PDB file of N, CA and C in Angstrom:
ATOM      1  N   MET A   1      -3.657  -5.982  20.466  1.00  0.00           N
ATOM      2  CA  MET A   1      -3.661  -6.246  19.249  1.00  0.00           C
ATOM      3  C   MET A   1      -4.666  -7.774  19.162  1.00  0.00           C
ATOM      4  N   ASP A   2      -5.685  -7.695  17.793  1.00  0.00           N
ATOM      5  CA  ASP A   2      -6.749  -7.975  17.449  1.00  0.00           C
ATOM      6  C   ASP A   2      -6.205  -9.308  16.849  1.00  0.00           C
ATOM      7  N   SER A   3      -6.692 -10.623  16.487  1.00  0.00           N
ATOM      8  CA  SER A   3      -5.654 -11.956  16.356  1.00  0.00           C
ATOM      9  C   SER A   3      -7.005 -12.160  15.135  1.00  0.00           C
ATOM     10  N   MET A   4      -6.008 -12.938  14.459  1.00  0.00           N
ATOM     11  CA  MET A   4      -7.532 -13.030  12.974  1.00  0.00           C
ATOM     12  C   MET A   4      -6.908 -14.356  12.718  1.00  0.00           C
ATOM     13  N   ASN A   5      -6.747 -15.670  12.499  1.00  0.00           N
ATOM     14  CA  ASN A   5      -6.773 -16.845  11.954  1.00  0.00           C
ATOM     15  C   ASN A   5      -6.941 -17.225  10.077  1.00  0.00           C
ATOM     16  N   ILE A   6      -5.798 -17.905   9.643  1.00  0.00           N
ATOM     17  CA  ILE A   6      -6.553 -18.053   8.437  1.00  0.00           C
ATOM     18  C   ILE A   6      -6.068 -19.074   7.626  1.00  0.00           C
ATOM     19  N   SER A   7      -6.637 -19.568   6.829  1.00  0.00           N
ATOM     20  CA  SER A   7      -6.128 -20.859   5.999  1.00  0.00           C
ATOM     21  C   SER A   7      -6.043 -20.183   4.402  1.00  0.00           C
ATOM     22  N   LEU A   8      -4.667 -21.205   4.709  1.00  0.00           N
ATOM     23  CA  LEU A   8      -3.828 -21.684   3.210  1.00  0.00           C
ATOM     24  C   LEU A   8      -4.186 -22.506   2.385  1.00  0.00           C
ATOM     25  N   PRO A   9      -3.409 -22.985   1.433  1.00  0.00           N
ATOM     26  CA  PRO A   9      -3.461 -24.555   1.033  1.00  0.00           C
ATOM     27  C   PRO A   9      -1.546 -24.666   1.038  1.00  0.00           C
ATOM     28  N   GLY A  10      -1.084 -25.919   1.399  1.00  0.00           N
ATOM     29  CA  GLY A  10      -0.231 -26.560   1.537  1.00  0.00           C
ATOM     30  C   GLY A  10       0.623 -25.026   0.821  1.00  0.00           C
ATOM     31  N   PRO A  11       1.395 -25.324  -0.311  1.00  0.00           N
ATOM     32  CA  PRO A  11       2.476 -24.341  -0.827  1.00  0.00           C
ATOM     33  C   PRO A  11       2.549 -22.795  -0.274  1.00  0.00           C
ATOM     34  N   LEU A  12       1.063 -22.281   0.063  1.00  0.00           N
ATOM     35  CA  LEU A  12       1.111 -21.063   0.432  1.00  0.00           C
ATOM     36  C   LEU A  12       2.073 -20.498   1.719  1.00  0.00           C
ATOM     37  N   LYS A  13       1.697 -22.024   2.149  1.00  0.00           N
ATOM     38  CA  LYS A  13       1.800 -21.897   3.781  1.00  0.00           C
ATOM     39  C   LYS A  13       3.575 -22.151   4.146  1.00  0.00           C
ATOM     40  N   ALA A  14       3.377 -22.703   2.893  1.00  0.00           N
ATOM     41  CA  ALA A  14       5.481 -23.366   3.075  1.00  0.00           C
ATOM     42  C   ALA A  14       6.128 -22.015   2.254  1.00  0.00           C
ATOM     43  N   PHE A  15       5.315 -20.948   1.816  1.00  0.00           N
ATOM     44  CA  PHE A  15       6.312 -20.471   0.918  1.00  0.00           C
ATOM     45  C   PHE A  15       6.532 -19.325   1.821  1.00  0.00           C
ATOM     46  N   ILE A  16       5.528 -18.517   2.944  1.00  0.00           N
ATOM     47  CA  ILE A  16       5.557 -17.380   4.110  1.00  0.00           C
ATOM     48  C   ILE A  16       6.360 -18.117   4.956  1.00  0.00           C
ATOM     49  N   ASP A  17       6.492 -19.490   4.765  1.00  0.00           N
ATOM     50  CA  ASP A  17       7.606 -20.277   6.292  1.00  0.00           C
ATOM     51  C   ASP A  17       8.817 -19.538   5.577  1.00  0.00           C
ATOM     52  N   SER A  18       9.080 -20.084   4.451  1.00  0.00           N
ATOM     53  CA  SER A  18      10.253 -20.107   3.166  1.00  0.00           C
ATOM     54  C   SER A  18      10.594 -18.591   3.583  1.00  0.00           C
ATOM     55  N   GLN A  19       9.718 -17.684   3.608  1.00  0.00           N
ATOM     56  CA  GLN A  19      10.156 -15.694   3.590  1.00  0.00           C
ATOM     57  C   GLN A  19      10.611 -15.439   4.906  1.00  0.00           C
ATOM     58  N   VAL A  20      10.117 -16.075   6.244  1.00  0.00           N
ATOM     59  CA  VAL A  20      10.066 -16.072   7.694  1.00  0.00           C
ATOM     60  C   VAL A  20      11.586 -16.594   7.340  1.00  0.00           C
ATOM     61  N   ALA A  21      12.210 -17.750   7.540  1.00  0.00           N
ATOM     62  CA  ALA A  21      12.816 -18.335   8.029  1.00  0.00           C
ATOM     63  C   ALA A  21      14.052 -18.218   6.944  1.00  0.00           C
ATOM     64  N   ASP A  22      14.141 -17.086   6.275  1.00  0.00           N
ATOM     65  CA  ASP A  22      15.404 -16.225   5.500  1.00  0.00           C
ATOM     66  C   ASP A  22      15.620 -15.054   6.705  1.00  0.00           C
ATOM     67  N   GLY A  23      15.259 -15.044   7.770  1.00  0.00           N
ATOM     68  CA  GLY A  23      15.721 -14.042   8.382  1.00  0.00           C
ATOM     69  C   GLY A  23      15.208 -12.842   8.079  1.00  0.00           C
ATOM     70  N   ARG A  24      13.804 -12.546   7.074  1.00  0.00           N
ATOM     71  CA  ARG A  24      13.764 -11.154   6.396  1.00  0.00           C
ATOM     72  C   ARG A  24      11.968 -10.383   7.597  1.00  0.00           C
ATOM     73  N   TYR A  25      11.990 -11.688   7.763  1.00  0.00           N
ATOM     74  CA  TYR A  25      10.765 -11.203   9.369  1.00  0.00           C
ATOM     75  C   TYR A  25      10.805 -12.073   9.952  1.00  0.00           C
ATOM     76  N   SER A  26      10.400 -11.407  11.024  1.00  0.00           N
ATOM     77  CA  SER A  26      10.807 -12.552  12.470  1.00  0.00           C
ATOM     78  C   SER A  26       9.612 -13.008  13.151  1.00  0.00           C
ATOM     79  N   SER A  27       8.415 -13.015  12.661  1.00  0.00           N
ATOM     80  CA  SER A  27       7.285 -14.112  12.094  1.00  0.00           C
ATOM     81  C   SER A  27       6.471 -14.152  10.524  1.00  0.00           C
ATOM     82  N   VAL A  28       5.211 -15.218  11.209  1.00  0.00           N
ATOM     83  CA  VAL A  28       4.230 -15.306  10.280  1.00  0.00           C
ATOM     84  C   VAL A  28       3.592 -13.303   9.750  1.00  0.00           C
ATOM     85  N   SER A  29       3.079 -13.532  11.576  1.00  0.00           N
ATOM     86  CA  SER A  29       2.589 -12.392  11.560  1.00  0.00           C
ATOM     87  C   SER A  29       2.647 -10.770  10.803  1.00  0.00           C
ATOM     88  N   GLU A  30       4.228 -10.958  11.516  1.00  0.00           N
ATOM     89  CA  GLU A  30       5.367  -9.492  11.043  1.00  0.00           C
ATOM     90  C   GLU A  30       4.934  -9.754   9.430  1.00  0.00           C
ATOM     91  N   TYR A  31       5.099 -10.841   8.397  1.00  0.00           N
ATOM     92  CA  TYR A  31       4.563 -11.146   7.193  1.00  0.00           C
ATOM     93  C   TYR A  31       3.651 -10.604   6.628  1.00  0.00           C
ATOM     94  N   VAL A  32       2.607 -10.765   6.997  1.00  0.00           N
ATOM     95  CA  VAL A  32       1.222 -10.419   6.713  1.00  0.00           C
ATOM     96  C   VAL A  32       0.998  -9.474   7.215  1.00  0.00           C
ATOM     97  N   ARG A  33       1.337  -8.562   8.153  1.00  0.00           N
ATOM     98  CA  ARG A  33       1.144  -7.541   8.561  1.00  0.00           C
ATOM     99  C   ARG A  33       2.040  -6.362   7.259  1.00  0.00           C
ATOM    100  N   GLU A  34       3.502  -6.628   6.678  1.00  0.00           N
ATOM    101  CA  GLU A  34       3.745  -6.108   6.043  1.00  0.00           C
ATOM    102  C   GLU A  34       2.884  -6.105   4.297  1.00  0.00           C
ATOM    103  N   LEU A  35       2.577  -7.362   4.101  1.00  0.00           N
ATOM    104  CA  LEU A  35       1.843  -7.525   2.920  1.00  0.00           C
ATOM    105  C   LEU A  35       0.350  -6.843   3.056  1.00  0.00           C
ATOM    106  N   VAL A  36       0.316  -6.686   3.505  1.00  0.00           N
ATOM    107  CA  VAL A  36      -1.608  -5.879   4.003  1.00  0.00           C
ATOM    108  C   VAL A  36      -0.962  -4.323   3.820  1.00  0.00           C
ATOM    109  N   ARG A  37      -0.146  -4.089   5.016  1.00  0.00           N
ATOM    110  CA  ARG A  37       0.021  -2.498   4.957  1.00  0.00           C
ATOM    111  C   ARG A  37       0.884  -1.737   3.461  1.00  0.00           C
ATOM    112  N   ALA A  38       1.278  -3.196   2.544  1.00  0.00           N
ATOM    113  CA  ALA A  38       2.187  -2.620   1.253  1.00  0.00           C
ATOM    114  C   ALA A  38       1.088  -2.298   0.403  1.00  0.00           C
ATOM    115  N   ASP A  39      -0.339  -3.649   0.488  1.00  0.00           N
ATOM    116  CA  ASP A  39      -1.418  -3.182  -0.613  1.00  0.00           C
ATOM    117  C   ASP A  39      -2.554  -2.092  -0.386  1.00  0.00           C
ATOM    118  N   GLU A  40      -2.677  -1.262   1.249  1.00  0.00           N
ATOM    119  CA  GLU A  40      -2.534  -0.527   1.413  1.00  0.00           C
ATOM    120  C   GLU A  40      -1.987   0.876   1.374  1.00  0.00           C
ATOM    121  N   LYS A  41      -1.328   1.015   1.188  1.00  0.00           N
ATOM    122  CA  LYS A  41      -0.622   1.558   0.390  1.00  0.00           C
ATOM    123  C   LYS A  41      -0.656   2.147  -0.775  1.00  0.00           C
ATOM    124  N   ARG A  42      -0.533   1.000  -1.989  1.00  0.00           N
ATOM    125  CA  ARG A  42      -1.280   0.589  -2.858  1.00  0.00           C
ATOM    126  C   ARG A  42      -2.091   0.907  -3.895  1.00  0.00           C
ATOM    127  N   LYS A  43      -3.695   1.005  -2.237  1.00  0.00           N
ATOM    128  CA  LYS A  43      -4.490   1.213  -2.859  1.00  0.00           C
ATOM    129  C   LYS A  43      -4.901   2.324  -2.884  1.00  0.00           C
ATOM    130  N   ALA A  44      -3.633   2.881  -1.782  1.00  0.00           N
ATOM    131  CA  ALA A  44      -4.081   4.550  -1.358  1.00  0.00           C
ATOM    132  C   ALA A  44      -3.711   5.283  -2.583  1.00  0.00           C
ATOM    133  N   GLN A  45      -2.625   5.087  -3.209  1.00  0.00           N
ATOM    134  CA  GLN A  45      -1.744   5.668  -3.629  1.00  0.00           C
ATOM    135  C   GLN A  45      -2.709   5.625  -5.364  1.00  0.00           C
ATOM    136  N   GLU A  46      -2.978   4.141  -5.672  1.00  0.00           N
ATOM    137  CA  GLU A  46      -4.519   4.115  -7.119  1.00  0.00           C
ATOM    138  C   GLU A  46      -5.747   4.862  -6.648  1.00  0.00           C
ATOM    139  N   LYS A  47      -5.702   5.728  -5.457  1.00  0.00           N
ATOM    140  CA  LYS A  47      -7.062   6.346  -5.150  1.00  0.00           C
ATOM    141  C   LYS A  47      -6.603   8.123  -5.473  1.00  0.00           C
ATOM    142  N   LEU A  48      -5.359   8.369  -5.137  1.00  0.00           N
ATOM    143  CA  LEU A  48      -4.549   9.610  -4.862  1.00  0.00           C
ATOM    144  C   LEU A  48      -4.731   9.985  -6.759  1.00  0.00           C
ATOM    145  N   GLU A  49      -3.891   8.899  -6.982  1.00  0.00           N
ATOM    146  CA  GLU A  49      -3.990   9.015  -9.568  1.00  0.00           C
ATOM    147  C   GLU A  49      -5.356   8.891  -8.950  1.00  0.00           C
ATOM    148  N   THR A  50      -5.955   8.482  -8.989  1.00  0.00           N
ATOM    149  CA  THR A  50      -7.477   8.565  -9.656  1.00  0.00           C
ATOM    150  C   THR A  50      -8.158   9.761  -9.399  1.00  0.00           C
ATOM    151  N   MET A  51      -7.998  10.227  -8.429  1.00  0.00           N
ATOM    152  CA  MET A  51      -8.741  11.393  -7.485  1.00  0.00           C
ATOM    153  C   MET A  51      -7.205  12.696  -8.962  1.00  0.00           C
ATOM    154  N   LEU A  52      -6.682  12.804  -8.865  1.00  0.00           N
ATOM    155  CA  LEU A  52      -5.293  14.072  -9.523  1.00  0.00           C
ATOM    156  C   LEU A  52      -5.818  13.828 -11.083  1.00  0.00           C
ATOM    157  N   LEU A  53      -5.926  12.489 -11.324  1.00  0.00           N
ATOM    158  CA  LEU A  53      -6.596  12.448 -13.258  1.00  0.00           C
ATOM    159  C   LEU A  53      -7.820  13.365 -13.000  1.00  0.00           C
ATOM    160  N   GLU A  54      -8.988  13.039 -12.265  1.00  0.00           N
ATOM    161  CA  GLU A  54      -9.544  13.372 -12.326  1.00  0.00           C
ATOM    162  C   GLU A  54      -9.945  15.129 -12.444  1.00  0.00           C
ATOM    163  N   GLY A  55      -9.436  15.050 -11.834  1.00  0.00           N
ATOM    164  CA  GLY A  55      -9.030  17.049 -11.074  1.00  0.00           C
ATOM    165  C   GLY A  55      -8.173  17.728 -12.015  1.00  0.00           C
ATOM    166  N   LEU A  56      -7.574  17.038 -13.155  1.00  0.00           N
ATOM    167  CA  LEU A  56      -7.373  17.658 -14.191  1.00  0.00           C
ATOM    168  C   LEU A  56      -8.443  17.602 -15.221  1.00  0.00           C
ATOM    169  N   ALA A  57      -9.265  16.330 -15.422  1.00  0.00           N
ATOM    170  CA  ALA A  57     -10.429  16.776 -17.078  1.00  0.00           C
ATOM    171  C   ALA A  57     -11.068  17.613 -16.123  1.00  0.00           C
ATOM    172  N   SER A  58     -11.162  18.234 -15.066  1.00  0.00           N
ATOM    173  CA  SER A  58     -12.079  18.585 -14.660  1.00  0.00           C
ATOM    174  C   SER A  58     -12.430  19.800 -15.089  1.00  0.00           C
ATOM    175  N   PRO A  59     -12.662  21.244 -15.876  1.00  0.00           N
ATOM    176  CA  PRO A  59     -12.863  21.934 -16.734  1.00  0.00           C
ATOM    177  C   PRO A  59     -12.830  23.387 -15.808  1.00  0.00           C
ATOM    178  N   GLU A  60     -12.833  22.589 -14.157  1.00  0.00           N
ATOM    179  CA  GLU A  60     -12.255  24.322 -13.159  1.00  0.00           C
ATOM    180  C   GLU A  60     -10.670  23.898 -13.227  1.00  0.00           C
ATOM    181  N   SER A  61     -10.027  23.028 -13.495  1.00  0.00           N
ATOM    182  CA  SER A  61      -8.754  22.835 -13.560  1.00  0.00           C
ATOM    183  C   SER A  61      -7.959  24.188 -14.458  1.00  0.00           C
ATOM    184  N   SER A  62      -6.838  24.034 -13.110  1.00  0.00           N
ATOM    185  CA  SER A  62      -6.427  25.226 -13.664  1.00  0.00           C
ATOM    186  C   SER A  62      -4.919  24.998 -13.432  1.00  0.00           C
ATOM    187  N   TRP A  63      -4.255  23.756 -13.947  1.00  0.00           N
ATOM    188  CA  TRP A  63      -2.694  23.082 -12.831  1.00  0.00           C
ATOM    189  C   TRP A  63      -1.833  22.954 -13.102  1.00  0.00           C
ATOM    190  N   VAL A  64      -0.806  23.418 -13.014  1.00  0.00           N
ATOM    191  CA  VAL A  64       0.538  23.382 -13.712  1.00  0.00           C
ATOM    192  C   VAL A  64       1.619  22.599 -13.567  1.00  0.00           C
ATOM    193  N   SER A  65       2.357  22.742 -13.877  1.00  0.00           N
ATOM    194  CA  SER A  65       3.398  20.986 -13.921  1.00  0.00           C
ATOM    195  C   SER A  65       3.843  20.744 -11.657  1.00  0.00           C
ATOM    196  N   SER A  66       4.126  22.793 -11.734  1.00  0.00           N
ATOM    197  CA  SER A  66       4.932  22.873 -10.300  1.00  0.00           C
ATOM    198  C   SER A  66       3.601  22.675  -9.511  1.00  0.00           C
ATOM    199  N   ASP A  67       2.657  22.348  -9.767  1.00  0.00           N
ATOM    200  CA  ASP A  67       1.587  22.364  -8.743  1.00  0.00           C
ATOM    201  C   ASP A  67       1.248  20.827  -8.168  1.00  0.00           C
ATOM    202  N   LEU A  68       1.993  20.078  -8.644  1.00  0.00           N
ATOM    203  CA  LEU A  68       2.367  18.626  -8.531  1.00  0.00           C
ATOM    204  C   LEU A  68       3.696  18.038  -7.537  1.00  0.00           C
ATOM    205  N   ASP A  69       4.265  19.034  -6.831  1.00  0.00           N
ATOM    206  CA  ASP A  69       5.034  19.081  -5.991  1.00  0.00           C
ATOM    207  C   ASP A  69       4.828  19.072  -4.994  1.00  0.00           C
ATOM    208  N   GLY A  70       3.311  20.144  -4.745  1.00  0.00           N
ATOM    209  CA  GLY A  70       2.442  19.964  -3.373  1.00  0.00           C
ATOM    210  C   GLY A  70       1.940  19.293  -2.889  1.00  0.00           C
ATOM    211  N   ILE A  71       1.355  18.391  -4.397  1.00  0.00           N
ATOM    212  CA  ILE A  71       0.548  17.713  -3.563  1.00  0.00           C
ATOM    213  C   ILE A  71       0.957  16.084  -3.133  1.00  0.00           C
ATOM    214  N   ARG A  72       2.227  15.510  -3.604  1.00  0.00           N
ATOM    215  CA  ARG A  72       2.663  14.567  -3.155  1.00  0.00           C
ATOM    216  C   ARG A  72       3.184  14.782  -1.705  1.00  0.00           C
ATOM    217  N   ALA A  73       3.912  16.232  -1.640  1.00  0.00           N
ATOM    218  CA  ALA A  73       4.001  16.356  -0.384  1.00  0.00           C
ATOM    219  C   ALA A  73       3.520  16.294   0.828  1.00  0.00           C
ATOM    220  N   ALA A  74       2.230  16.626   0.699  1.00  0.00           N
ATOM    221  CA  ALA A  74       1.165  16.640   1.329  1.00  0.00           C
ATOM    222  C   ALA A  74       0.502  14.926   1.266  1.00  0.00           C
ATOM    223  N   ALA A  75       0.550  14.160   0.411  1.00  0.00           N
ATOM    224  CA  ALA A  75      -0.330  12.621   0.500  1.00  0.00           C
ATOM    225  C   ALA A  75       1.498  11.949   1.070  1.00  0.00           C
ATOM    226  N   ARG A  76       2.735  12.689   1.677  1.00  0.00           N
ATOM    227  CA  ARG A  76       3.118  11.858   2.181  1.00  0.00           C
ATOM    228  C   ARG A  76       2.867  11.953   3.209  1.00  0.00           C
ATOM    229  N   ALA A  77       2.918  13.124   3.628  1.00  0.00           N
ATOM    230  CA  ALA A  77       2.163  13.683   4.823  1.00  0.00           C
ATOM    231  C   ALA A  77       1.343  12.949   5.515  1.00  0.00           C
ATOM    232  N   GLY A  78       0.108  12.111   4.919  1.00  0.00           N
ATOM    233  CA  GLY A  78      -0.936  11.537   5.183  1.00  0.00           C
ATOM    234  C   GLY A  78      -0.982  10.023   5.910  1.00  0.00           C
ATOM    235  N   HIS A  79       0.668  10.347   4.912  1.00  0.00           N
ATOM    236  CA  HIS A  79       1.043   8.458   5.877  1.00  0.00           C
ATOM    237  C   HIS A  79       1.888   8.109   6.160  1.00  0.00           C
TER     238      HIS A  79
END
């Protein structure tokens, strides 16, 4: 696994340390990885929603509401 060093202002470091101390995360690295994964997931969801809206707005669209279930399943399978 690669490593990365970051600099944080004192209050942010204290906040992260408190999250680890609360026991939800075993290390600062685990906490940061979780944040990055959540951001990655959020951006993928935004991209999917944008693509779906573009598709629905397209003149070729013959979308019906039941299609959404298949689209969601395919998106989940990709993660």
